[in-house]
Each structure stands twice: as C-alpha cells, then as structure tokens.
Amino acid sequence: MLLCIVRYVLATAAVGAAYLILQLPFAIYYGCTEKRLIGGTLLPQFDFYADKVVSLLLASGAGAGFAVSIELKKVLPDAFDAIIAIAQASGKADLIEFADLFQQEKSKTPGFFNRGIIASGVLLGGCVLMAIVSVLTSINRSK
C-alpha cells in the first residue's frame, strides 16, 4: 500500500513536469509574438481544461505525500523500538548486533521523512502556481 502511494506521488510529479515541458514552447512563442502558435479555439480550450486537471492532480499528489510522510514519521520509530526490543530480549549476539544496526537506522528516519515533507511542499507549490495559471487562462479565454 505504501509503495503504491509513493508511486502515485512520483507519478503526479512526473505528469506535472511533462505538462510543463509540453506547455513551455507554446508559452514562449506566445510571449514573444503575442499570437498563438496554433490558431483557433483548440489550444485555448486545451489550456483551460488541462490547467485545471493538472492543478487538481498536483494537489492530490501533495496531499498523499504529506499524509504518508507525516504518518510514517510518527509510526516508524515505534516499529523500530519494537524490533530492537525483541532482538535484545533474545540475548543472541547476532540479533544484538542487528538491534544496534536498527538503532543507527532509527536515528536517520526523521531526516528522511522531513525530505518527503519538503518534496510534498514543492508539489503543493506547483499546485498553487497551476491554480494561478488556471485563473489567468480562464481570464484569457473569456476575452
């Protein structure tokens, strides 16, 4: 389940990046010449609807990323503690060494999940910017 959510977050980021790469040449051309590369109503309608879909997709990816990162940041240290306690209670040398390795890894988990929260924040920033672009394209479409 967790892996599916992480894949979803990465997929939403990839879709957002692909949409940006697709739109960038059209935006540069429009900015330089003040006319559309493809005439008619097809491109403005595509911009209007695609901006809304991509902004909602980025919002759901950011929400999933925040949820997973924050929840695992709370739960995983307790799981590490339980595994360490079981390994130390066994009294076997191999398992005690294993518990020491887990103790080292436990200290690295908050930084790892903080990076996940930061990455989700970048997705949220992309969502906000796409919402702004969506408003601008709807203003442009109504002209």
Protein backbone atom coordinates (compact mmCIF):
# COMPACT_ATOMS: atom_id res chain seq x y z
CA MET A 1 0.00 0.00 0.00
CA LEU A 2 2.76 2.40 0.96
CA LEU A 3 4.66 1.72 -2.23
CA CYS A 4 1.52 2.46 -4.27
CA ILE A 5 1.13 5.84 -2.58
CA VAL A 6 4.78 6.71 -3.18
CA ARG A 7 4.38 5.72 -6.82
CA TYR A 8 1.28 7.90 -7.06
CA VAL A 9 3.13 10.91 -5.65
CA LEU A 10 6.01 10.39 -8.09
CA ALA A 11 3.58 9.89 -10.97
CA THR A 12 1.77 13.14 -10.20
CA ALA A 13 5.10 14.97 -10.13
CA ALA A 14 6.05 13.38 -13.47
CA VAL A 15 2.71 14.33 -15.06
CA GLY A 16 3.10 17.90 -13.82
CA ALA A 17 6.64 18.08 -15.23
CA ALA A 18 5.54 16.60 -18.57
CA TYR A 19 2.71 19.12 -18.81
CA LEU A 20 5.16 21.94 -18.08
CA ILE A 21 7.53 20.71 -20.78
CA LEU A 22 4.62 20.44 -23.22
CA GLN A 23 3.33 23.95 -22.49
CA LEU A 24 6.66 25.78 -22.32
CA PRO A 25 7.32 26.19 -26.09
CA PHE A 26 3.77 27.43 -26.67
CA ALA A 27 4.07 29.93 -23.82
CA ILE A 28 7.44 31.20 -25.03
CA TYR A 29 6.12 31.66 -28.56
CA TYR A 30 3.02 33.47 -27.26
CA GLY A 31 5.16 35.68 -25.04
CA CYS A 32 7.48 36.67 -27.89
CA THR A 33 4.98 37.14 -30.72
CA GLU A 34 1.73 37.82 -28.81
CA LYS A 35 -0.11 35.37 -31.05
CA ARG A 36 -0.81 31.69 -30.68
CA LEU A 37 1.27 29.05 -32.42
CA ILE A 38 -1.86 27.04 -33.20
CA GLY A 39 -4.79 29.20 -34.28
CA GLY A 40 -8.43 28.62 -33.49
CA THR A 41 -10.06 27.59 -30.26
CA LEU A 42 -8.36 24.23 -29.77
CA LEU A 43 -5.27 25.38 -27.84
CA PRO A 44 -7.08 27.83 -25.51
CA GLN A 45 -9.62 25.14 -24.62
CA PHE A 46 -6.86 22.60 -24.03
CA ASP A 47 -5.05 25.11 -21.79
CA PHE A 48 -8.22 25.86 -19.86
CA TYR A 49 -9.14 22.26 -19.05
CA ALA A 50 -5.64 20.80 -18.76
CA ASP A 51 -4.58 23.50 -16.27
CA LYS A 52 -7.45 22.56 -14.01
CA VAL A 53 -6.82 18.82 -14.27
CA VAL A 54 -3.09 19.17 -13.62
CA SER A 55 -3.60 21.51 -10.65
CA LEU A 56 -6.04 19.04 -9.05
CA LEU A 57 -3.67 16.16 -9.76
CA LEU A 58 -0.78 18.03 -8.13
CA ALA A 59 -2.98 18.83 -5.13
CA SER A 60 -3.87 15.17 -4.63
CA GLY A 61 -0.20 14.15 -5.00
CA ALA A 62 0.87 16.74 -2.44
CA GLY A 63 -1.82 15.58 -0.02
CA ALA A 64 -0.80 11.95 -0.39
CA GLY A 65 2.87 12.86 0.08
CA PHE A 66 2.17 14.87 3.23
CA ALA A 67 -0.06 12.14 4.65
CA VAL A 68 2.46 9.34 4.12
CA SER A 69 5.47 11.34 5.32
CA ILE A 70 3.84 12.68 8.47
CA GLU A 71 2.16 9.39 9.40
CA LEU A 72 5.27 7.28 8.89
CA LYS A 73 7.36 9.83 10.78
CA LYS A 74 5.09 9.13 13.78
CA VAL A 75 4.72 5.35 13.41
CA LEU A 76 8.09 4.08 12.19
CA PRO A 77 10.17 4.91 15.31
CA ASP A 78 7.78 2.80 17.41
CA ALA A 79 8.18 -0.10 14.96
CA PHE A 80 11.96 0.25 15.19
CA ASP A 81 11.73 0.25 19.01
CA ALA A 82 9.66 -2.95 18.97
CA ILE A 83 12.10 -4.75 16.67
CA ILE A 84 15.08 -3.58 18.74
CA ALA A 85 13.42 -4.74 21.98
CA ILE A 86 12.65 -8.18 20.54
CA ALA A 87 16.21 -8.57 19.22
CA GLN A 88 17.79 -7.52 22.51
CA ALA A 89 15.48 -9.73 24.55
CA SER A 90 16.62 -12.79 22.61
CA GLY A 91 20.14 -12.48 24.03
CA LYS A 92 21.78 -13.85 20.87
CA ALA A 93 24.90 -12.00 19.70
CA ASP A 94 23.79 -11.82 16.06
CA LEU A 95 20.43 -10.34 16.96
CA ILE A 96 22.01 -7.84 19.38
CA GLU A 97 24.28 -6.68 16.54
CA PHE A 98 21.17 -6.48 14.34
CA ALA A 99 19.49 -4.34 17.03
CA ASP A 100 22.48 -1.97 17.03
CA LEU A 101 22.15 -1.54 13.25
CA PHE A 102 18.44 -0.83 13.65
CA GLN A 103 19.24 1.75 16.33
CA GLN A 104 21.53 3.54 13.88
CA GLU A 105 18.89 3.46 11.15
CA LYS A 106 16.22 4.72 13.57
CA SER A 107 18.23 7.92 14.07
CA LYS A 108 18.18 8.57 10.28
CA THR A 109 14.42 8.28 9.78
CA PRO A 110 13.30 11.79 10.85
CA GLY A 111 15.60 13.42 8.30
CA PHE A 112 14.37 11.08 5.58
CA PHE A 113 10.72 11.87 6.24
CA ASN A 114 11.48 15.59 6.53
CA ARG A 115 12.77 15.38 2.96
CA GLY A 116 9.49 13.74 1.96
CA ILE A 117 7.57 16.60 3.56
CA ILE A 118 9.74 19.14 1.71
CA ALA A 119 9.16 17.32 -1.60
CA SER A 120 5.41 17.34 -0.94
CA GLY A 121 5.67 21.06 -0.23
CA VAL A 122 7.23 21.56 -3.66
CA LEU A 123 4.26 19.70 -5.18
CA LEU A 124 1.91 21.91 -3.20
CA GLY A 125 3.72 24.99 -4.52
CA GLY A 126 3.31 23.64 -8.04
CA CYS A 127 -0.40 23.16 -7.35
CA VAL A 128 -0.77 26.76 -6.20
CA LEU A 129 1.08 28.08 -9.24
CA MET A 130 -1.02 25.90 -11.56
CA ALA A 131 -4.16 27.29 -9.91
CA ILE A 132 -2.93 30.82 -10.62
CA VAL A 133 -2.19 29.87 -14.24
CA SER A 134 -5.65 28.32 -14.43
CA VAL A 135 -7.25 31.60 -13.35
CA LEU A 136 -5.16 33.51 -15.91
CA THR A 137 -6.12 31.14 -18.73
CA SER A 138 -9.80 31.44 -17.86
CA ILE A 139 -9.47 35.23 -17.99
CA ASN A 140 -7.67 34.92 -21.31
CA ARG A 141 -10.34 32.52 -22.61
CA SER A 142 -13.17 34.92 -21.79
CA LYS A 143 -11.65 37.74 -23.86
